[in-house]
Amino acid sequence: MSVAQALWGKPIGEVTSTLFGLNSDQIAQALAVQREKGGRLGEVLVSLKLITNAQLAKALAAQCDLPFVEKIEVDQIDPEILRLIPITFAKQNRILPVGVAANGHIRLACFDASDIETHDELRLLFGKELDLEIAAPELIVAAINKAYDRVIRQAETAVAELEDAESADLKGVLEDEVVDLLDIEGDDEAPIIRLVNSLMSQAVKDRASDIHVEPFERELLVRFRIDGILYEIIKPPKRFQNSIISRLKIMAGLNIAEKRLPQDGRIRLKVAGKDFDIRVSSIPTGYGERIVMRLLDRSSVLKSLSEIGFSEHNLKAIYQIITASHGIFLVSGPTGSGKTSTLYACLSKINKPELNILTIEDPVEYQLPGVGQVQVNTKIDLTFSNGLRAFLRQDPDVIMVGEIRDRTTAEIAIQASLTGHLVFSTVHTNDAPGAITRLVDMQVEPFLVASSLMAVLAQRLVRTICPDCREEYKPKAEELHELGLDPKTTSKLWRGKGCGTCQNTGYLGRQGIFELMLVEENIRQLILQNADSATIKNKAREQGMVTLREDGAHKVKMGITTVEEVTRVTREENLAVDAE
């Protein structure tokens, strides 16, 4: 009798112990949590991080004597079957019909084989019996997104339809887009609407953070920013430019008659079952209006500090900083380097009922339960500095200021820290020591900076190697020299060769590299002496500070990212080193 057959019908605790080596203490811990909070034991084991969702799925498959699938072939799923099931129903119940078995039954990938009610509904819907296959919930949701994306008409198809359309109605739209687009707004079959919808669907599927619609003299270009890099997606015909831009402006609530001034708007919509808040910016150019849309996934889960990519040493230091009673903690880096996400992770770590936490942001990107979040509104003079002043009358314990942009905001933040508040904020500098000189350049007195600043964290985001196409290779000496790696101790590195999962880029997702400078007595003395950033950096390195490039080199050796990525995002540091 096989192991799987021996585990059929056994309690999930026994199954996970047999398959994954959980000991009796771990099972007892999970049972105690289950008694206190309720829920299924398997889900408790996952919440305690004793097993993963994929391992739980494997255990459930063994317990029910059902096949366990590690890969779902999306391309082989019949689109006609998918059209019978709404995507929201599929995601809520974590089910996906993956094909028809030889016996005529519908093969159904699911996570919960005991969900009899849902399975009965599907039997009635299909008019056929089901053959259940157990899969991890993440795998099912990813497959649902890919499968339903194939059902939705893609951007290229919509463009082709636009080119082929010769009907009088469409010609009317192109000649007088303002009136006719308003008339057809509710008509989901309109080619312009299909094109815009498919672009947004494609952006979500490709994990894009921004959509760029850029007019040029003879062409219209659409680009997506994926993992920090812009990629060209399609070039719709130039003659459809006004119609596409008008459609986007209508969705964002912008004035479609005003084409001479910059405008800002928002779009709220659901794509592939996810709730998105899209910030829309329009500016006039010589060849028409240029639109950039920033996609914020409101349903995305914030990463914790331990998941962002800190080394063990930096993580301990961060914990000490964010649990201090007062002082300023600054995070520095260029736009799009993940500064806000790091501060959110810090706030989430210390967020407790006994603390009053207030934030002022531009804009509020994530909702944090139990935290008072205020959005900057310059039209009514609600600026960072004015909001910060008002916060001090709200009895706060912790304050987060989205960005220190001027002397007024900096001085109020410093005064708040000196009067017993913990203040988090961001500043745009290339490295950690540069944040100190930036504050002094804002005409903040050096003694105020020295007495209030606890630490500065500089960071960048590097693309991580795709796990599906990751391969070893022998690096050249020049590559190792680029990051200061020793050829004697670094005989192999890793890279992605490109596959369908990562759109043939070799990269999937991003992780931070960090430079944490603690403001200790020696650094304070240099600040009081108005020392330059190079002097401060040298002293910080003597005290053990790891630079951005050194942290990046460590992640290259660990196989997380590549030499090219670290070199790309730390180019300023490379130039500074060369200059020395």
Protein backbone atom coordinates (compact mmCIF):
# COMPACT_ATOMS: atom_id res chain seq x y z
CA MET A 1 0.00 0.00 0.00
CA SER A 2 1.38 3.44 -0.98
CA VAL A 3 1.91 6.30 1.48
CA ALA A 4 -0.96 8.25 -0.12
CA GLN A 5 -3.35 5.29 0.28
CA ALA A 6 -2.24 4.83 3.89
CA LEU A 7 -3.09 8.46 4.67
CA TRP A 8 -6.62 8.34 3.21
CA GLY A 9 -9.18 9.51 5.77
CA LYS A 10 -6.56 10.27 8.43
CA PRO A 11 -6.71 13.55 10.46
CA ILE A 12 -4.89 16.41 8.74
CA GLY A 13 -2.44 16.70 11.65
CA GLU A 14 -1.34 13.10 11.15
CA VAL A 15 -1.14 13.57 7.36
CA THR A 16 1.09 16.66 7.62
CA SER A 17 3.28 14.95 10.22
CA THR A 18 3.84 11.99 7.91
CA LEU A 19 4.40 14.04 4.73
CA PHE A 20 6.33 17.02 6.07
CA GLY A 21 7.83 15.87 9.36
CA LEU A 22 5.86 18.09 11.75
CA ASN A 23 6.52 17.06 15.33
CA SER A 24 4.00 16.59 18.14
CA ASP A 25 4.84 19.97 19.72
CA GLN A 26 4.05 21.79 16.48
CA ILE A 27 0.75 19.95 16.08
CA ALA A 28 -0.11 20.69 19.72
CA GLN A 29 0.66 24.38 19.17
CA ALA A 30 -1.66 24.46 16.13
CA LEU A 31 -4.43 22.65 18.02
CA ALA A 32 -4.18 25.19 20.86
CA VAL A 33 -4.53 28.08 18.38
CA GLN A 34 -7.45 26.30 16.72
CA ARG A 35 -9.24 25.92 20.07
CA GLU A 36 -8.70 29.60 20.83
CA LYS A 37 -9.50 31.15 17.43
CA GLY A 38 -11.39 28.43 15.56
CA GLY A 39 -10.93 27.52 11.91
CA ARG A 40 -9.59 24.42 10.22
CA LEU A 41 -6.39 22.87 11.48
CA GLY A 42 -4.76 22.97 8.05
CA GLU A 43 -5.35 26.72 7.75
CA VAL A 44 -3.97 27.21 11.27
CA LEU A 45 -0.81 25.32 10.30
CA VAL A 46 -0.39 27.66 7.32
CA SER A 47 -1.01 30.79 9.44
CA LEU A 48 1.71 29.62 11.86
CA LYS A 49 4.02 29.11 8.85
CA LEU A 50 4.56 25.47 9.77
CA ILE A 51 3.53 24.47 6.23
CA THR A 52 2.81 26.33 2.99
CA ASN A 53 -0.50 26.49 1.10
CA ALA A 54 0.98 24.15 -1.51
CA GLN A 55 1.91 21.63 1.19
CA LEU A 56 -1.58 21.90 2.69
CA ALA A 57 -3.06 21.18 -0.74
CA LYS A 58 -0.83 18.12 -1.07
CA ALA A 59 -1.91 16.93 2.39
CA LEU A 60 -5.61 17.44 1.55
CA ALA A 61 -5.15 15.47 -1.67
CA ALA A 62 -3.60 12.57 0.28
CA GLN A 63 -6.31 12.75 2.93
CA CYS A 64 -9.08 12.57 0.28
CA ASP A 65 -7.19 10.15 -2.01
CA LEU A 66 -7.42 12.62 -4.90
CA PRO A 67 -4.78 13.57 -7.48
CA PHE A 68 -2.53 16.53 -6.58
CA VAL A 69 -1.54 18.82 -9.47
CA GLU A 70 1.51 21.08 -9.41
CA LYS A 71 0.91 22.71 -12.81
CA ILE A 72 -2.23 23.76 -14.69
CA GLU A 73 -1.98 23.85 -18.50
CA VAL A 74 -4.02 27.00 -19.14
CA ASP A 75 -3.63 26.83 -22.93
CA GLN A 76 -5.50 23.51 -23.02
CA ILE A 77 -8.62 24.80 -21.22
CA ASP A 78 -11.68 25.13 -23.46
CA PRO A 79 -12.83 28.82 -23.40
CA GLU A 80 -16.44 27.68 -23.86
CA ILE A 81 -16.37 25.97 -20.46
CA LEU A 82 -14.99 29.11 -18.82
CA ARG A 83 -17.77 31.28 -20.24
CA LEU A 84 -20.25 29.35 -18.10
CA ILE A 85 -18.57 30.46 -14.84
CA PRO A 86 -18.06 34.12 -13.79
CA ILE A 87 -14.45 34.89 -12.84
CA THR A 88 -15.54 36.19 -9.42
CA PHE A 89 -17.28 32.86 -8.65
CA ALA A 90 -14.18 30.94 -9.73
CA LYS A 91 -11.88 33.08 -7.54
CA GLN A 92 -14.14 33.15 -4.48
CA ASN A 93 -14.43 29.36 -4.49
CA ARG A 94 -10.90 28.69 -5.79
CA ILE A 95 -12.08 26.36 -8.55
CA LEU A 96 -11.18 26.07 -12.23
CA PRO A 97 -12.48 23.57 -14.82
CA VAL A 98 -9.32 22.38 -16.58
CA GLY A 99 -10.73 19.97 -19.16
CA VAL A 100 -12.87 16.94 -19.93
CA ALA A 101 -11.76 13.51 -18.73
CA ALA A 102 -11.85 10.38 -20.90
CA ASN A 103 -15.04 9.29 -19.11
CA GLY A 104 -16.79 12.56 -20.07
CA HIS A 105 -16.56 14.06 -16.59
CA ILE A 106 -15.38 17.65 -16.06
CA ARG A 107 -11.90 17.80 -14.52
CA LEU A 108 -12.07 20.44 -11.77
CA ALA A 109 -9.00 21.91 -10.07
CA CYS A 110 -9.95 22.96 -6.53
CA PHE A 111 -8.43 23.55 -3.12
CA ASP A 112 -11.30 22.42 -0.90
CA ALA A 113 -12.66 19.00 -1.84
CA SER A 114 -15.22 19.21 0.98
CA ASP A 115 -17.07 22.18 -0.57
CA ILE A 116 -19.99 19.97 -1.63
CA GLU A 117 -22.43 22.86 -2.18
CA THR A 118 -20.22 24.54 -4.80
CA HIS A 119 -19.49 21.23 -6.53
CA ASP A 120 -23.22 20.40 -6.70
CA GLU A 121 -23.89 23.79 -8.33
CA LEU A 122 -21.20 23.07 -10.93
CA ARG A 123 -22.63 19.60 -11.64
CA LEU A 124 -26.00 21.20 -12.37
CA LEU A 125 -24.36 23.92 -14.49
CA PHE A 126 -22.31 21.53 -16.61
CA GLY A 127 -24.81 18.69 -16.58
CA LYS A 128 -21.91 16.33 -15.94
CA GLU A 129 -20.09 14.69 -13.05
CA LEU A 130 -16.87 16.19 -11.68
CA ASP A 131 -13.44 14.62 -11.30
CA LEU A 132 -11.72 16.63 -8.57
CA GLU A 133 -8.02 17.48 -8.64
CA ILE A 134 -6.40 19.28 -5.70
CA ALA A 135 -4.10 22.27 -6.32
CA ALA A 136 -2.57 25.09 -4.25
CA PRO A 137 -4.83 28.17 -4.04
CA GLU A 138 -2.11 30.47 -5.46
CA LEU A 139 -1.75 28.17 -8.47
CA ILE A 140 -5.52 28.13 -9.05
CA VAL A 141 -5.88 31.94 -8.83
CA ALA A 142 -2.92 32.50 -11.17
CA ALA A 143 -4.39 30.00 -13.65
CA ILE A 144 -7.82 31.69 -13.40
CA ASN A 145 -6.28 35.05 -14.31
CA LYS A 146 -4.43 33.59 -17.29
CA ALA A 147 -7.35 31.47 -18.48
CA TYR A 148 -9.96 34.23 -18.32
CA ASP A 149 -7.55 36.65 -19.94
CA ARG A 150 -7.60 34.38 -23.00
CA VAL A 151 -11.39 34.59 -23.04
CA ILE A 152 -11.29 38.39 -22.98
CA ARG A 153 -10.38 39.85 -26.36
CA GLN A 154 -6.78 41.12 -26.29
CA ALA A 155 -5.48 44.57 -27.21
CA GLU A 156 -4.04 43.47 -30.53
CA THR A 157 -7.41 42.02 -31.59
CA ALA A 158 -9.16 45.23 -30.59
CA VAL A 159 -6.70 47.27 -32.65
CA ALA A 160 -7.29 45.00 -35.64
CA GLU A 161 -11.03 45.51 -35.25
CA LEU A 162 -10.51 49.26 -35.18
CA GLU A 163 -8.53 49.12 -38.40
CA ASP A 164 -11.12 46.95 -40.12
CA ALA A 165 -14.18 48.83 -38.85
CA GLU A 166 -15.81 50.82 -41.61
CA SER A 167 -19.27 51.27 -40.20
CA ALA A 168 -20.91 54.68 -40.22
CA ASP A 169 -21.25 54.63 -36.44
CA LEU A 170 -17.51 54.20 -35.93
CA LYS A 171 -16.73 56.90 -38.49
CA GLY A 172 -18.99 59.21 -36.51
CA VAL A 173 -17.05 58.45 -33.36
CA LEU A 174 -13.75 59.30 -35.04
CA GLU A 175 -15.04 62.56 -36.49
CA ASP A 176 -16.72 63.82 -33.32
CA GLU A 177 -15.37 61.80 -30.42
CA VAL A 178 -16.78 63.97 -27.63
CA VAL A 179 -20.46 63.52 -28.39
CA ASP A 180 -20.41 60.03 -29.80
CA LEU A 181 -18.14 58.55 -27.13
CA LEU A 182 -20.54 59.79 -24.49
CA ASP A 183 -23.36 58.18 -26.43
CA ILE A 184 -21.62 54.82 -26.68
CA GLU A 185 -20.16 54.75 -23.16
CA GLY A 186 -22.55 52.04 -22.09
CA ASP A 187 -21.96 49.96 -25.20
CA ASP A 188 -19.34 47.40 -24.24
CA GLU A 189 -19.08 46.30 -27.85
CA ALA A 190 -17.61 49.65 -29.01
CA PRO A 191 -14.11 48.96 -30.40
CA ILE A 192 -12.51 51.93 -28.60
CA ILE A 193 -13.92 50.76 -25.26
CA ARG A 194 -12.79 47.20 -25.94
CA LEU A 195 -9.28 48.43 -26.72
CA VAL A 196 -9.01 50.46 -23.50
CA ASN A 197 -10.49 47.65 -21.39
CA SER A 198 -8.16 45.07 -22.90
CA LEU A 199 -5.14 47.33 -22.26
CA MET A 200 -6.04 47.53 -18.58
CA SER A 201 -6.66 43.79 -18.40
CA GLN A 202 -3.29 43.14 -20.05
CA ALA A 203 -1.55 45.55 -17.65
CA VAL A 204 -2.93 43.66 -14.64
CA LYS A 205 -1.93 40.31 -16.13
CA ASP A 206 1.62 41.58 -16.81
CA ARG A 207 1.92 43.06 -13.26
CA ALA A 208 2.42 46.57 -14.69
CA SER A 209 2.63 49.49 -12.26
CA ASP A 210 2.04 52.17 -14.91
CA ILE A 211 0.42 52.50 -18.34
CA HIS A 212 1.85 55.19 -20.66
CA VAL A 213 -0.16 56.46 -23.65
CA GLU A 214 2.29 58.62 -25.61
CA PRO A 215 1.51 60.55 -28.82
CA PHE A 216 4.29 61.31 -31.30
CA GLU A 217 4.33 62.95 -34.71
CA ARG A 218 3.42 59.88 -36.74
CA GLU A 219 2.44 57.27 -34.16
CA LEU A 220 0.73 56.55 -30.86
CA LEU A 221 2.68 54.38 -28.44
CA VAL A 222 1.42 52.40 -25.43
CA ARG A 223 4.03 51.24 -22.91
CA PHE A 224 3.81 49.35 -19.60
CA ARG A 225 6.21 49.75 -16.69
CA ILE A 226 6.86 46.27 -15.32
CA ASP A 227 9.26 45.77 -12.40
CA GLY A 228 10.55 49.31 -12.93
CA ILE A 229 11.31 48.94 -16.67
CA LEU A 230 9.21 50.36 -19.55
CA TYR A 231 8.21 47.94 -22.31
CA GLU A 232 6.51 48.82 -25.60
CA ILE A 233 3.18 46.98 -25.86
CA ILE A 234 1.29 48.18 -28.94
CA LYS A 235 1.14 51.04 -31.44
CA PRO A 236 -2.54 51.80 -32.15
CA PRO A 237 -3.17 53.68 -35.42
CA LYS A 238 -2.50 57.41 -35.03
CA ARG A 239 -5.98 58.26 -36.32
CA PHE A 240 -7.55 56.69 -33.20
CA GLN A 241 -5.48 58.83 -30.82
CA ASN A 242 -8.22 61.36 -29.93
CA SER A 243 -10.81 58.64 -29.37
CA ILE A 244 -8.56 56.59 -27.07
CA ILE A 245 -7.48 59.60 -25.00
CA SER A 246 -11.06 60.90 -24.76
CA ARG A 247 -12.23 57.50 -23.51
CA LEU A 248 -9.55 57.48 -20.81
CA LYS A 249 -10.40 61.05 -19.76
CA ILE A 250 -14.12 60.19 -19.52
CA MET A 251 -13.29 57.21 -17.28
CA ALA A 252 -11.09 59.44 -15.07
CA GLY A 253 -13.67 62.21 -14.79
CA LEU A 254 -11.47 64.74 -16.61
CA ASN A 255 -12.64 67.61 -18.82
CA ILE A 256 -12.40 66.21 -22.35
CA ALA A 257 -12.86 69.67 -23.88
CA GLU A 258 -9.75 71.04 -22.09
CA LYS A 259 -6.65 69.96 -24.01
CA ARG A 260 -4.27 72.80 -23.12
CA LEU A 261 -3.78 72.26 -19.38
CA PRO A 262 -2.49 69.34 -17.28
CA GLN A 263 -5.24 67.41 -15.48
CA ASP A 264 -5.34 64.75 -12.76
CA GLY A 265 -8.09 62.21 -12.13
CA ARG A 266 -8.86 58.74 -10.77
CA ILE A 267 -10.48 55.56 -12.03
CA ARG A 268 -11.89 52.89 -9.74
CA LEU A 269 -12.53 49.52 -11.36
CA LYS A 270 -12.19 45.78 -10.97
CA VAL A 271 -9.89 43.82 -13.24
CA ALA A 272 -9.59 40.03 -12.98
CA GLY A 273 -11.44 40.17 -9.67
CA LYS A 274 -9.04 42.71 -8.14
CA ASP A 275 -10.06 46.19 -6.99
CA PHE A 276 -7.82 48.86 -8.56
CA ASP A 277 -7.42 52.55 -7.86
CA ILE A 278 -5.89 54.11 -10.98
CA ARG A 279 -4.35 57.60 -10.79
CA VAL A 280 -4.54 59.34 -14.16
CA SER A 281 -2.31 62.23 -15.22
CA SER A 282 -2.79 64.10 -18.50
CA ILE A 283 -0.40 66.71 -19.93
CA PRO A 284 -0.47 68.56 -23.28
CA THR A 285 2.38 67.92 -25.75
CA GLY A 286 3.07 69.12 -29.27
CA TYR A 287 1.43 66.02 -30.75
CA GLY A 288 -1.56 65.65 -28.43
CA GLU A 289 -2.27 64.81 -24.82
CA ARG A 290 0.02 62.35 -23.06
CA ILE A 291 -1.58 60.15 -20.39
CA VAL A 292 0.12 58.15 -17.64
CA MET A 293 -1.89 55.87 -15.36
CA ARG A 294 -0.53 54.50 -12.06
CA LEU A 295 -2.20 51.21 -11.04
CA LEU A 296 -2.65 50.61 -7.31
CA ASP A 297 -4.00 47.20 -6.34
CA ARG A 298 -6.21 47.90 -3.31
CA SER A 299 -6.55 44.18 -2.60
CA SER A 300 -2.79 43.53 -2.54
CA VAL A 301 -1.26 42.44 0.76
CA LEU A 302 1.47 44.61 2.23
CA LYS A 303 4.80 42.87 2.73
CA SER A 304 6.13 42.61 6.24
CA LEU A 305 9.60 43.89 7.18
CA SER A 306 10.98 40.35 7.12
CA GLU A 307 9.77 39.87 3.51
CA ILE A 308 11.16 43.09 2.03
CA GLY A 309 14.75 41.86 1.83
CA PHE A 310 16.58 43.17 4.92
CA SER A 311 19.66 41.33 6.16
CA GLU A 312 19.38 39.90 9.66
CA HIS A 313 21.65 42.63 11.05
CA ASN A 314 19.64 45.46 9.43
CA LEU A 315 16.35 43.90 10.49
CA LYS A 316 17.35 43.94 14.17
CA ALA A 317 18.47 47.56 13.88
CA ILE A 318 15.19 48.57 12.18
CA TYR A 319 13.16 46.92 14.96
CA GLN A 320 15.07 48.98 17.56
CA ILE A 321 14.54 52.20 15.59
CA ILE A 322 10.79 51.84 15.02
CA THR A 323 10.11 50.92 18.66
CA ALA A 324 11.88 54.02 20.00
CA SER A 325 9.80 56.55 21.94
CA HIS A 326 10.86 59.56 19.84
CA GLY A 327 13.15 60.68 17.02
CA ILE A 328 13.14 60.81 13.22
CA PHE A 329 13.64 57.86 10.88
CA LEU A 330 14.16 58.80 7.23
CA VAL A 331 13.96 56.56 4.17
CA SER A 332 15.70 57.94 1.09
CA GLY A 333 15.81 57.03 -2.57
CA PRO A 334 14.47 58.12 -5.97
CA THR A 335 10.83 57.90 -7.03
CA GLY A 336 9.67 54.30 -7.34
CA SER A 337 12.32 52.80 -5.06
CA GLY A 338 9.82 51.38 -2.56
CA LYS A 339 10.24 53.98 0.22
CA THR A 340 6.52 54.19 1.03
CA SER A 341 6.15 50.39 1.13
CA THR A 342 9.01 50.18 3.63
CA LEU A 343 7.39 52.80 5.87
CA TYR A 344 4.03 51.00 5.63
CA ALA A 345 5.77 47.79 6.72
CA CYS A 346 7.27 49.68 9.69
CA LEU A 347 3.86 51.08 10.67
CA SER A 348 2.22 47.64 10.34
CA LYS A 349 4.87 46.16 12.64
CA ILE A 350 4.24 48.65 15.46
CA ASN A 351 0.50 49.17 14.86
CA LYS A 352 -1.17 48.39 18.20
CA PRO A 353 -4.39 49.61 19.87
CA GLU A 354 -2.39 51.49 22.51
CA LEU A 355 -0.64 53.68 19.89
CA ASN A 356 -2.16 56.68 18.07
CA ILE A 357 -0.64 56.60 14.57
CA LEU A 358 -1.33 59.37 12.04
CA THR A 359 -0.08 59.68 8.45
CA ILE A 360 -0.23 62.44 5.83
CA GLU A 361 0.43 61.16 2.32
CA ASP A 362 0.23 62.14 -1.34
CA PRO A 363 -1.66 59.98 -2.14
CA VAL A 364 -2.83 57.38 0.42
CA GLU A 365 -1.75 54.19 -1.37
CA TYR A 366 -2.77 51.50 1.13
CA GLN A 367 -5.40 51.42 3.84
CA LEU A 368 -3.96 50.53 7.26
CA PRO A 369 -6.62 49.45 9.83
CA GLY A 370 -6.41 51.48 13.03
CA VAL A 371 -4.26 54.23 11.47
CA GLY A 372 -5.53 57.76 10.78
CA GLN A 373 -4.55 58.53 7.17
CA VAL A 374 -4.88 61.99 5.61
CA GLN A 375 -4.37 62.81 1.94
CA VAL A 376 -2.62 66.01 0.83
CA ASN A 377 -4.94 68.43 -0.98
CA THR A 378 -3.09 71.52 -2.23
CA LYS A 379 -6.32 73.02 -3.64
CA ILE A 380 -7.49 73.71 -0.07
CA ASP A 381 -3.97 74.31 1.30
CA LEU A 382 -3.78 70.93 3.04
CA THR A 383 -0.03 70.51 2.58
CA PHE A 384 2.45 68.25 4.38
CA SER A 385 3.45 71.11 6.70
CA ASN A 386 -0.12 72.21 7.50
CA GLY A 387 -1.26 68.64 8.07
CA LEU A 388 1.75 67.99 10.31
CA ARG A 389 0.93 71.06 12.41
CA ALA A 390 -2.65 69.83 12.87
CA PHE A 391 -1.40 66.35 13.83
CA LEU A 392 0.43 67.75 16.85
CA ARG A 393 -2.95 68.72 18.32
CA GLN A 394 -4.25 65.15 17.85
CA ASP A 395 -2.17 63.57 20.64
CA PRO A 396 -0.16 61.29 18.30
CA ASP A 397 2.44 58.73 19.31
CA VAL A 398 3.73 58.03 15.79
CA ILE A 399 3.55 60.32 12.74
CA MET A 400 4.34 59.45 9.14
CA VAL A 401 4.93 62.31 6.69
CA GLY A 402 4.87 61.17 3.07
CA GLU A 403 7.82 63.36 2.08
CA ILE A 404 9.96 66.17 3.48
CA ARG A 405 10.10 68.65 0.60
CA ASP A 406 10.86 71.99 2.26
CA ARG A 407 12.32 73.67 5.31
CA THR A 408 8.95 74.24 6.98
CA THR A 409 7.96 70.55 6.89
CA ALA A 410 11.45 69.50 8.02
CA GLU A 411 11.46 71.87 11.00
CA ILE A 412 7.97 70.87 12.16
CA ALA A 413 8.92 67.18 11.88
CA ILE A 414 12.08 67.79 13.91
CA GLN A 415 10.18 69.76 16.57
CA ALA A 416 7.65 66.92 16.77
CA SER A 417 10.42 64.38 17.34
CA LEU A 418 12.05 66.55 20.01
CA THR A 419 8.76 66.81 21.90
CA GLY A 420 8.32 63.05 22.29
CA HIS A 421 6.93 61.81 18.98
CA LEU A 422 8.28 59.12 16.66
CA VAL A 423 8.37 60.51 13.11
CA PHE A 424 8.80 58.55 9.87
CA SER A 425 9.34 60.28 6.53
CA THR A 426 11.04 60.07 3.13
CA VAL A 427 13.48 62.29 1.26
CA HIS A 428 14.86 62.12 -2.29
CA THR A 429 18.62 61.49 -2.09
CA ASN A 430 20.95 58.97 -3.70
CA ASP A 431 22.37 57.53 -0.47
CA ALA A 432 21.87 57.64 3.30
CA PRO A 433 24.50 60.33 4.15
CA GLY A 434 23.04 62.53 1.41
CA ALA A 435 19.80 62.84 3.40
CA ILE A 436 21.66 64.75 6.12
CA THR A 437 23.17 67.25 3.70
CA ARG A 438 19.75 67.61 2.01
CA LEU A 439 18.19 68.70 5.33
CA VAL A 440 21.04 71.17 5.91
CA ASP A 441 20.57 72.47 2.34
CA MET A 442 16.93 73.15 3.29
CA GLN A 443 18.43 75.54 5.88
CA VAL A 444 17.57 73.32 8.84
CA GLU A 445 20.03 74.01 11.64
CA PRO A 446 22.66 71.21 11.92
CA PHE A 447 22.19 70.97 15.71
CA LEU A 448 18.48 70.20 15.18
CA VAL A 449 19.33 67.46 12.67
CA ALA A 450 21.98 65.96 14.96
CA SER A 451 19.70 65.89 18.00
CA SER A 452 16.60 64.44 16.32
CA LEU A 453 17.74 62.07 13.55
CA MET A 454 18.05 58.40 14.63
CA ALA A 455 18.82 56.72 11.31
CA VAL A 456 18.59 57.02 7.52
CA LEU A 457 17.73 54.09 5.28
CA ALA A 458 18.61 54.39 1.58
CA GLN A 459 17.10 51.83 -0.74
CA ARG A 460 16.62 50.72 -4.34
CA LEU A 461 14.53 47.99 -5.95
CA VAL A 462 16.28 45.33 -8.02
CA ARG A 463 14.49 42.84 -10.25
CA THR A 464 14.71 39.28 -8.93
CA ILE A 465 15.61 36.28 -11.07
CA CYS A 466 12.63 34.32 -12.41
CA PRO A 467 12.45 31.02 -10.48
CA ASP A 468 11.08 29.14 -13.51
CA CYS A 469 14.07 29.81 -15.78
CA ARG A 470 16.85 30.36 -13.23
CA GLU A 471 20.19 28.87 -14.27
CA GLU A 472 23.76 28.79 -13.02
CA TYR A 473 26.66 30.24 -15.00
CA LYS A 474 30.36 30.95 -14.55
CA PRO A 475 30.83 34.73 -14.22
CA LYS A 476 33.53 36.69 -16.01
CA ALA A 477 36.19 38.47 -13.99
CA GLU A 478 34.90 41.88 -15.15
CA GLU A 479 31.43 41.11 -13.72
CA LEU A 480 32.85 40.20 -10.33
CA HIS A 481 35.11 43.25 -10.32
CA GLU A 482 32.07 45.46 -11.04
CA LEU A 483 30.63 44.63 -7.60
CA GLY A 484 33.88 44.00 -5.77
CA LEU A 485 33.31 40.24 -5.54
CA ASP A 486 36.28 37.93 -4.99
CA PRO A 487 36.77 35.48 -7.92
CA LYS A 488 38.27 32.95 -5.48
CA THR A 489 35.10 32.70 -3.42
CA THR A 490 32.57 33.32 -6.21
CA SER A 491 32.84 30.59 -8.82
CA LYS A 492 29.20 30.66 -9.93
CA LEU A 493 26.29 33.09 -10.17
CA TRP A 494 22.70 32.84 -11.40
CA ARG A 495 20.61 34.46 -14.13
CA GLY A 496 17.25 33.96 -15.85
CA LYS A 497 17.35 32.76 -19.43
CA GLY A 498 13.77 33.93 -20.15
CA CYS A 499 10.49 32.01 -20.28
CA GLY A 500 6.75 32.53 -20.66
CA THR A 501 6.29 33.23 -16.95
CA CYS A 502 8.56 36.30 -17.02
CA GLN A 503 7.73 37.46 -20.59
CA ASN A 504 11.23 36.30 -21.61
CA THR A 505 12.95 38.95 -19.46
CA GLY A 506 14.58 36.54 -17.01
CA TYR A 507 13.18 38.54 -14.09
CA LEU A 508 10.02 38.20 -12.01
CA GLY A 509 9.22 40.61 -9.18
CA ARG A 510 11.50 42.95 -7.23
CA GLN A 511 13.28 43.10 -3.89
CA GLY A 512 15.02 45.89 -2.02
CA ILE A 513 18.71 46.53 -1.49
CA PHE A 514 19.48 48.73 1.50
CA GLU A 515 21.99 51.06 3.13
CA LEU A 516 21.21 51.71 6.80
CA MET A 517 23.14 54.50 8.52
CA LEU A 518 22.66 54.77 12.28
CA VAL A 519 23.23 58.31 13.57
CA GLU A 520 25.55 57.64 16.51
CA GLU A 521 27.82 60.03 18.42
CA ASN A 522 30.61 60.18 15.80
CA ILE A 523 28.11 60.94 13.04
CA ARG A 524 26.42 63.59 15.22
CA GLN A 525 29.74 65.37 15.69
CA LEU A 526 30.27 65.46 11.91
CA ILE A 527 26.74 66.85 11.39
CA LEU A 528 27.44 69.63 13.93
CA GLN A 529 30.66 70.41 12.05
CA ASN A 530 28.60 70.69 8.82
CA ALA A 531 30.68 67.93 7.18
CA ASP A 532 29.97 66.89 3.61
CA SER A 533 28.21 63.63 2.74
CA ALA A 534 31.44 61.88 1.62
CA THR A 535 33.04 62.45 5.04
CA ILE A 536 29.90 61.26 6.82
CA LYS A 537 29.75 58.18 4.57
CA ASN A 538 33.35 57.23 5.30
CA LYS A 539 32.75 57.49 9.04
CA ALA A 540 29.53 55.45 8.76
CA ARG A 541 31.39 52.72 6.85
CA GLU A 542 34.04 52.65 9.58
CA GLN A 543 31.18 51.97 12.02
CA GLY A 544 30.00 49.02 9.91
CA MET A 545 27.48 50.49 7.47
CA VAL A 546 26.88 48.26 4.44
CA THR A 547 26.47 50.32 1.25
CA LEU A 548 23.78 49.80 -1.37
CA ARG A 549 26.23 48.18 -3.75
CA GLU A 550 27.63 45.86 -1.07
CA ASP A 551 24.13 44.75 -0.07
CA GLY A 552 23.34 44.23 -3.76
CA ALA A 553 26.52 42.17 -4.20
CA HIS A 554 25.44 39.96 -1.29
CA LYS A 555 22.06 39.35 -2.96
CA VAL A 556 23.84 38.53 -6.23
CA LYS A 557 25.92 35.88 -4.43
CA MET A 558 22.72 34.47 -2.89
CA GLY A 559 21.20 34.07 -6.38
CA ILE A 560 18.40 36.60 -5.77
CA THR A 561 19.36 39.07 -8.51
CA THR A 562 22.05 39.69 -11.14
CA VAL A 563 25.18 41.80 -11.49
CA GLU A 564 23.51 43.83 -14.26
CA GLU A 565 20.56 44.75 -12.03
CA VAL A 566 22.66 45.89 -9.08
CA THR A 567 24.95 47.86 -11.40
CA ARG A 568 21.95 49.52 -13.04
CA VAL A 569 20.33 50.75 -9.82
CA THR A 570 23.57 51.77 -8.07
CA ARG A 571 25.07 53.61 -11.03
CA GLU A 572 25.50 56.84 -8.99
CA GLU A 573 27.54 54.97 -6.39
CA ASN A 574 29.66 53.38 -9.11
CA LEU A 575 30.42 56.84 -10.54
CA ALA A 576 31.30 58.16 -7.08
CA VAL A 577 33.71 55.27 -6.49
CA ASP A 578 35.32 55.78 -9.91
CA ALA A 579 35.77 59.48 -9.14
CA GLU A 580 37.66 58.65 -5.97
